[in-house]
N, C-alpha and C. Protein backbone atom coordinates (compact mmCIF):
# COMPACT_ATOMS: atom_id res chain seq x y z
N MET A 1 17.61 -4.95 -32.64
CA MET A 1 18.05 -5.29 -31.32
C MET A 1 17.27 -4.36 -30.80
N LYS A 2 16.37 -5.01 -29.89
CA LYS A 2 15.53 -4.43 -29.02
C LYS A 2 16.14 -3.66 -27.69
N GLN A 3 15.87 -2.48 -27.71
CA GLN A 3 16.50 -1.64 -26.66
C GLN A 3 15.74 -1.71 -25.23
N GLU A 4 16.73 -1.81 -24.14
CA GLU A 4 16.40 -2.00 -22.89
C GLU A 4 15.61 -0.92 -22.51
N GLU A 5 14.17 -1.15 -21.72
CA GLU A 5 13.88 -0.15 -21.20
C GLU A 5 14.54 0.63 -19.94
N GLN A 6 14.62 1.82 -19.92
CA GLN A 6 15.23 2.49 -18.89
C GLN A 6 14.07 2.83 -17.69
N PRO A 7 14.61 2.64 -16.38
CA PRO A 7 13.65 2.81 -15.38
C PRO A 7 13.17 4.26 -15.11
N LEU A 8 12.03 4.66 -14.76
CA LEU A 8 11.35 5.98 -14.67
C LEU A 8 12.24 6.43 -13.81
N PRO A 9 12.44 7.92 -13.92
CA PRO A 9 13.17 8.60 -12.80
C PRO A 9 12.57 8.37 -11.47
N GLY A 10 13.27 8.29 -10.63
CA GLY A 10 12.52 8.09 -8.94
C GLY A 10 12.11 6.84 -8.91
N SER A 11 12.66 5.57 -9.42
CA SER A 11 12.00 4.21 -9.45
C SER A 11 12.32 3.69 -7.99
N ASN A 12 13.04 4.54 -7.13
CA ASN A 12 12.89 4.18 -5.80
C ASN A 12 11.77 4.65 -5.02
N SER A 13 10.89 5.64 -5.48
CA SER A 13 10.04 6.08 -4.72
C SER A 13 8.84 5.37 -4.63
N THR A 14 8.04 5.75 -3.71
CA THR A 14 6.80 5.13 -3.57
C THR A 14 5.87 5.40 -4.54
N GLN A 15 5.65 6.54 -4.86
CA GLN A 15 4.93 7.19 -5.86
C GLN A 15 4.94 6.27 -7.25
N TYR A 16 6.34 5.87 -7.57
CA TYR A 16 6.59 5.10 -8.85
C TYR A 16 6.12 3.82 -8.41
N HIS A 17 6.25 3.22 -7.55
CA HIS A 17 5.68 1.81 -7.45
C HIS A 17 3.97 1.64 -7.31
N LEU A 18 3.59 2.71 -6.80
CA LEU A 18 2.04 3.01 -6.79
C LEU A 18 1.45 3.31 -8.30
N ILE A 19 2.26 4.08 -9.10
CA ILE A 19 2.12 4.10 -10.74
C ILE A 19 2.34 2.71 -11.41
N ARG A 20 3.22 2.04 -10.94
CA ARG A 20 3.64 0.75 -11.68
C ARG A 20 2.67 -0.14 -11.22
N TYR A 21 2.17 -0.31 -10.30
CA TYR A 21 0.91 -1.35 -9.68
C TYR A 21 -0.42 -0.84 -10.62
N LYS A 22 -0.68 0.45 -10.85
CA LYS A 22 -1.79 0.88 -11.48
C LYS A 22 -1.58 0.61 -12.80
N GLU A 23 -0.49 0.74 -13.32
CA GLU A 23 -0.13 0.31 -14.83
C GLU A 23 -0.31 -1.21 -15.18
N GLY A 24 0.24 -1.96 -14.08
CA GLY A 24 -0.04 -3.54 -14.34
C GLY A 24 -1.35 -3.81 -14.30
N LEU A 25 -2.15 -3.35 -13.46
CA LEU A 25 -3.50 -3.60 -13.01
C LEU A 25 -4.37 -3.31 -14.53
N GLY A 26 -4.08 -2.41 -15.09
CA GLY A 26 -4.73 -1.76 -16.41
C GLY A 26 -4.27 -2.89 -17.48
N LYS A 27 -3.08 -3.29 -17.65
CA LYS A 27 -2.71 -4.04 -18.67
C LYS A 27 -3.28 -5.55 -18.32
N TYR A 28 -3.35 -5.88 -16.93
CA TYR A 28 -4.05 -7.13 -16.59
C TYR A 28 -5.66 -6.81 -17.11
N ASN A 29 -6.02 -5.96 -16.61
CA ASN A 29 -7.76 -5.90 -17.07
C ASN A 29 -7.77 -5.83 -18.66
N GLU A 30 -7.00 -5.61 -19.44
CA GLU A 30 -7.04 -5.63 -20.85
C GLU A 30 -7.50 -7.10 -21.28
N ASN A 31 -6.57 -8.14 -20.55
CA ASN A 31 -6.98 -9.40 -20.90
C ASN A 31 -8.06 -10.07 -20.01
N MET A 32 -8.24 -9.65 -18.78
CA MET A 32 -9.26 -10.35 -17.76
C MET A 32 -10.37 -9.34 -17.29
N PRO A 33 -10.76 -8.51 -18.20
CA PRO A 33 -11.93 -7.36 -17.76
C PRO A 33 -12.66 -7.83 -16.56
N GLU A 34 -13.53 -9.03 -16.82
CA GLU A 34 -14.42 -9.45 -15.94
C GLU A 34 -13.90 -10.03 -14.55
N LEU A 35 -12.91 -10.41 -14.32
CA LEU A 35 -12.30 -10.61 -13.35
C LEU A 35 -11.58 -9.48 -12.43
N THR A 36 -10.97 -8.73 -13.16
CA THR A 36 -10.61 -7.57 -12.65
C THR A 36 -11.80 -6.35 -11.84
N HIS A 37 -12.82 -6.43 -12.77
CA HIS A 37 -14.12 -5.75 -12.39
C HIS A 37 -14.63 -6.43 -11.07
N ALA A 38 -14.86 -7.71 -11.08
CA ALA A 38 -15.22 -8.25 -9.78
C ALA A 38 -14.16 -8.47 -8.64
N TYR A 39 -12.89 -8.28 -8.92
CA TYR A 39 -12.07 -8.02 -7.64
C TYR A 39 -12.09 -6.75 -7.42
N ASN A 40 -11.98 -5.74 -7.96
CA ASN A 40 -12.24 -4.18 -7.76
C ASN A 40 -13.39 -4.00 -6.76
N GLU A 41 -14.58 -4.49 -7.12
CA GLU A 41 -15.73 -4.38 -6.67
C GLU A 41 -15.92 -5.11 -5.49
N PHE A 42 -15.19 -6.12 -5.34
CA PHE A 42 -15.36 -6.85 -4.05
C PHE A 42 -14.26 -6.06 -2.99
N THR A 43 -13.32 -5.67 -3.34
CA THR A 43 -12.27 -4.83 -2.28
C THR A 43 -12.93 -3.63 -1.94
N ARG A 44 -13.70 -3.04 -3.18
CA ARG A 44 -14.12 -1.71 -2.71
C ARG A 44 -15.26 -2.09 -1.73
N HIS A 45 -16.08 -3.21 -1.87
CA HIS A 45 -17.01 -3.38 -0.92
C HIS A 45 -16.49 -3.71 0.57
N CYS A 46 -15.17 -4.42 0.48
CA CYS A 46 -14.49 -4.63 1.92
C CYS A 46 -14.28 -3.59 2.59
N PHE A 47 -13.82 -2.53 1.77
CA PHE A 47 -13.03 -1.38 2.47
C PHE A 47 -14.15 -0.17 2.74
N LYS A 48 -15.40 -0.35 2.29
CA LYS A 48 -16.44 0.70 2.56
C LYS A 48 -16.71 0.92 4.18
N GLU A 49 -17.19 1.96 4.25
CA GLU A 49 -17.54 2.38 5.87
C GLU A 49 -18.50 1.46 6.26
N GLY A 50 -18.55 0.84 7.51
CA GLY A 50 -19.39 -0.15 8.01
C GLY A 50 -19.44 0.08 9.53
N GLU A 51 -19.57 -0.95 10.18
CA GLU A 51 -19.25 -0.79 11.60
C GLU A 51 -17.84 -0.64 11.84
N ILE A 52 -16.85 -0.97 11.08
CA ILE A 52 -15.53 -0.53 11.42
C ILE A 52 -15.27 0.75 9.99
N SER A 53 -14.81 1.59 10.56
CA SER A 53 -14.33 2.95 9.77
C SER A 53 -13.42 2.49 8.62
N GLU A 54 -13.31 3.22 7.53
CA GLU A 54 -12.50 3.14 6.51
C GLU A 54 -11.04 3.30 6.97
N LYS A 55 -10.85 4.48 7.82
CA LYS A 55 -9.53 4.44 8.63
C LYS A 55 -8.76 3.36 9.43
N TYR A 56 -10.06 2.56 9.78
CA TYR A 56 -9.35 1.28 10.71
C TYR A 56 -9.18 0.12 9.67
N LYS A 57 -9.96 0.19 8.59
CA LYS A 57 -9.81 -1.00 7.77
C LYS A 57 -8.40 -0.72 6.91
N GLN A 58 -8.19 0.47 6.53
CA GLN A 58 -6.77 0.69 6.13
C GLN A 58 -5.42 0.10 6.96
N LEU A 59 -5.83 0.52 8.22
CA LEU A 59 -4.73 0.11 9.29
C LEU A 59 -4.54 -1.31 9.61
N ILE A 60 -5.95 -2.09 9.60
CA ILE A 60 -5.84 -3.54 9.38
C ILE A 60 -4.86 -3.89 8.30
N ALA A 61 -5.29 -3.53 6.82
CA ALA A 61 -4.83 -3.95 5.89
C ALA A 61 -3.29 -3.74 5.86
N LEU A 62 -2.92 -2.63 6.21
CA LEU A 62 -1.29 -2.31 6.40
C LEU A 62 -0.62 -3.33 7.42
N GLY A 63 -1.34 -3.66 8.45
CA GLY A 63 -0.66 -4.75 9.22
C GLY A 63 -0.83 -6.14 8.63
N ILE A 64 -1.56 -6.56 7.90
CA ILE A 64 -1.69 -7.38 7.30
C ILE A 64 -0.63 -7.33 6.10
N SER A 65 -0.50 -6.61 5.30
CA SER A 65 0.47 -6.20 4.53
C SER A 65 1.86 -6.48 4.78
N ILE A 66 2.15 -5.91 6.07
CA ILE A 66 3.48 -5.90 6.78
C ILE A 66 3.79 -7.47 7.09
N TYR A 67 2.86 -8.16 7.68
CA TYR A 67 2.97 -9.40 7.90
C TYR A 67 3.43 -10.13 7.19
N SER A 68 2.57 -9.98 5.71
CA SER A 68 2.88 -11.00 4.76
C SER A 68 3.76 -10.50 3.72
N GLN A 69 4.68 -9.52 4.12
CA GLN A 69 5.76 -8.81 3.32
C GLN A 69 5.50 -8.46 2.02
N ASP A 70 4.17 -7.93 1.71
CA ASP A 70 3.78 -7.64 0.55
C ASP A 70 4.18 -6.12 0.32
N GLU A 71 5.25 -5.80 -0.10
CA GLU A 71 5.65 -4.37 -0.29
C GLU A 71 4.72 -3.51 -1.34
N TYR A 72 4.00 -4.19 -2.37
CA TYR A 72 3.22 -3.24 -3.03
C TYR A 72 2.02 -2.69 -2.20
N CYS A 73 1.54 -3.87 -1.26
CA CYS A 73 0.63 -3.51 -0.48
C CYS A 73 0.80 -2.66 0.66
N ILE A 74 1.72 -3.06 1.13
CA ILE A 74 2.48 -1.84 2.43
C ILE A 74 2.53 -0.48 1.62
N ILE A 75 2.88 -0.29 0.56
CA ILE A 75 2.94 1.33 -0.01
C ILE A 75 1.44 1.63 -0.12
N TYR A 76 0.36 0.84 -0.81
CA TYR A 76 -0.60 1.13 -1.16
C TYR A 76 -1.54 1.49 0.08
N HIS A 77 -1.36 0.47 1.03
CA HIS A 77 -2.17 0.78 2.61
C HIS A 77 -1.69 2.06 3.30
N THR A 78 -0.31 1.88 3.28
CA THR A 78 0.12 3.27 3.88
C THR A 78 -0.30 4.52 3.45
N LYS A 79 -0.51 4.55 2.01
CA LYS A 79 -1.03 5.64 1.58
C LYS A 79 -2.66 5.64 1.80
N GLY A 80 -3.16 4.53 1.80
CA GLY A 80 -4.71 4.43 2.51
C GLY A 80 -4.78 4.96 3.84
N CYS A 81 -3.75 4.68 4.68
CA CYS A 81 -3.94 5.04 6.15
C CYS A 81 -3.79 6.56 6.00
N LEU A 82 -2.79 7.20 5.39
CA LEU A 82 -2.80 8.82 5.26
C LEU A 82 -4.01 9.16 4.55
N ASP A 83 -4.43 8.65 3.66
CA ASP A 83 -5.44 9.49 3.15
C ASP A 83 -6.71 9.45 3.71
N GLN A 84 -6.80 8.55 4.80
CA GLN A 84 -8.00 8.42 5.65
C GLN A 84 -7.68 9.09 7.03
N GLY A 85 -6.50 9.79 7.05
CA GLY A 85 -6.40 10.66 8.39
C GLY A 85 -5.60 10.21 9.38
N CYS A 86 -4.80 8.97 9.26
CA CYS A 86 -4.31 8.16 10.28
C CYS A 86 -2.95 9.24 10.47
N SER A 87 -2.86 9.30 11.73
CA SER A 87 -1.47 9.91 12.23
C SER A 87 -0.31 9.03 11.98
N GLU A 88 0.78 9.44 12.09
CA GLU A 88 2.02 8.68 12.09
C GLU A 88 2.09 7.70 13.04
N ASN A 89 1.81 8.21 14.36
CA ASN A 89 1.94 7.18 15.41
C ASN A 89 0.87 6.18 15.46
N GLU A 90 -0.36 6.52 14.71
CA GLU A 90 -1.37 5.48 14.59
C GLU A 90 -0.80 4.37 13.72
N ILE A 91 -0.14 4.90 12.65
CA ILE A 91 0.60 4.12 11.51
C ILE A 91 1.71 2.99 12.12
N LEU A 92 2.58 3.66 12.86
CA LEU A 92 3.69 3.13 13.53
C LEU A 92 3.13 1.98 14.82
N GLU A 93 2.14 2.32 15.30
CA GLU A 93 1.36 1.36 16.23
C GLU A 93 0.93 0.18 15.44
N ALA A 94 0.31 0.36 14.42
CA ALA A 94 0.03 -0.84 13.55
C ALA A 94 1.32 -1.63 13.02
N VAL A 95 2.42 -0.92 12.91
CA VAL A 95 3.85 -1.61 12.48
C VAL A 95 4.12 -2.43 13.90
N GLY A 96 4.03 -2.06 15.11
CA GLY A 96 4.23 -2.71 16.26
C GLY A 96 3.30 -3.96 16.39
N VAL A 97 2.12 -3.44 16.04
CA VAL A 97 1.38 -5.02 16.24
C VAL A 97 1.57 -5.84 15.14
N SER A 98 1.92 -5.45 14.19
CA SER A 98 2.39 -6.36 12.97
C SER A 98 3.66 -7.19 13.39
N ALA A 99 4.64 -6.45 14.00
CA ALA A 99 5.95 -7.11 14.31
C ALA A 99 5.64 -8.05 15.49
N ALA A 100 4.72 -7.83 16.52
CA ALA A 100 4.44 -8.83 17.38
C ALA A 100 4.20 -10.11 16.98
N PHE A 101 3.35 -10.21 15.77
CA PHE A 101 2.99 -11.53 15.09
C PHE A 101 4.26 -11.89 13.84
N GLY A 102 4.81 -10.94 13.55
CA GLY A 102 5.66 -11.35 12.12
C GLY A 102 7.24 -11.07 12.61
N GLY A 103 7.28 -10.70 13.95
CA GLY A 103 8.67 -10.80 14.29
C GLY A 103 9.70 -9.60 13.47
N GLY A 104 11.03 -9.80 13.34
CA GLY A 104 11.83 -9.16 12.81
C GLY A 104 11.49 -8.85 11.33
N ALA A 105 11.02 -9.61 10.76
CA ALA A 105 10.84 -9.55 9.06
C ALA A 105 9.66 -8.52 8.96
N ALA A 106 8.80 -8.48 9.69
CA ALA A 106 7.74 -7.31 9.96
C ALA A 106 8.10 -6.09 10.30
N MET A 107 8.90 -6.30 11.41
CA MET A 107 9.65 -4.77 12.05
C MET A 107 10.45 -3.92 10.79
N SER A 108 11.06 -4.88 10.33
CA SER A 108 12.08 -4.20 9.16
C SER A 108 11.27 -3.56 8.25
N GLN A 109 10.24 -4.22 7.65
CA GLN A 109 9.40 -3.36 6.74
C GLN A 109 8.93 -2.09 7.16
N GLY A 110 8.55 -2.23 8.65
CA GLY A 110 7.82 -0.79 9.19
C GLY A 110 9.08 -0.13 9.46
N VAL A 111 10.28 -0.16 9.80
CA VAL A 111 11.23 0.95 10.30
C VAL A 111 11.73 1.14 8.97
N THR A 112 11.44 0.71 7.71
CA THR A 112 12.00 1.06 6.56
C THR A 112 10.97 1.81 5.82
N LEU A 113 10.23 0.57 4.93
CA LEU A 113 9.38 0.81 3.79
C LEU A 113 8.27 1.82 4.39
N VAL A 114 7.75 1.54 5.33
CA VAL A 114 6.55 2.30 6.12
C VAL A 114 7.19 3.55 6.22
N GLN A 115 7.97 3.93 6.89
CA GLN A 115 8.47 5.20 7.33
C GLN A 115 8.88 6.05 6.26
N GLU A 116 9.46 5.27 5.02
CA GLU A 116 10.02 6.02 3.64
C GLU A 116 8.52 6.43 3.35
N CYS A 117 7.51 5.73 3.39
CA CYS A 117 6.33 6.08 2.63
C CYS A 117 5.52 7.05 3.13
N ILE A 118 5.55 7.22 4.79
CA ILE A 118 5.07 8.19 5.41
C ILE A 118 5.85 9.66 5.09
N LYS A 119 7.04 9.45 5.00
CA LYS A 119 7.78 10.61 4.78
C LYS A 119 7.52 11.17 3.22
N GLU A 120 7.44 10.34 2.43
CA GLU A 120 7.27 10.78 1.15
C GLU A 120 5.62 11.14 0.60
N LEU A 121 4.80 10.36 1.34
CA LEU A 121 3.64 10.44 0.72
C LEU A 121 2.85 11.53 1.67
N ASN A 122 3.44 12.04 2.84
CA ASN A 122 2.83 12.97 3.69
C ASN A 122 3.34 14.14 4.04
N LYS A 123 3.96 14.57 2.54
CA LYS A 123 4.44 15.84 2.31
C LYS A 123 3.27 16.73 2.05
N PRO A 124 3.28 18.03 2.61
CA PRO A 124 2.07 18.96 2.55
C PRO A 124 1.72 19.15 0.94
N ARG A 125 0.85 19.18 0.38
CA ARG A 125 0.32 19.40 -1.02
C ARG A 125 0.17 20.92 -1.37
N HIS A 126 0.64 21.40 -2.22
CA HIS A 126 0.39 23.14 -2.61
C HIS A 126 -0.69 23.03 -3.64
C-alpha cells in the first residue's frame, strides 16, 4: 500500500510555494530540457535591465499575475518586487492598478496573498 505524502511543514507559507514551483520546474526539466532552457532564457531576457528597470518589470509582472489570478506568479513576483527594492506602498499601488482592471477578484488577491507575501518575505534577514 502506497503511503500518502505528508505536506511539508509550513505548507501555507509563500516560501513553501516557491520551493514547490522550483521542484516542479526541475522535474519538468528532466523530460523537457530544451524547452525549459529556451523558456528560462526568454524570461531572463524579458526581465533584464533595459529602458524599463528590473524593478518596474517586476511590478508590471505582479500586476499581470494578480489580474490573471495566477497565485504562483503572484508569490514569485511579489518576491521579485521585494528583491528589486520595491517598497510595500509601491507594491500596494500595483495591486490597486490591477484591481482597476480586474475588479474584486484582483483586489482580493492583493489584500490577502500579496500582503501575506510581503509580511513573510520582507522579514529582516540575520
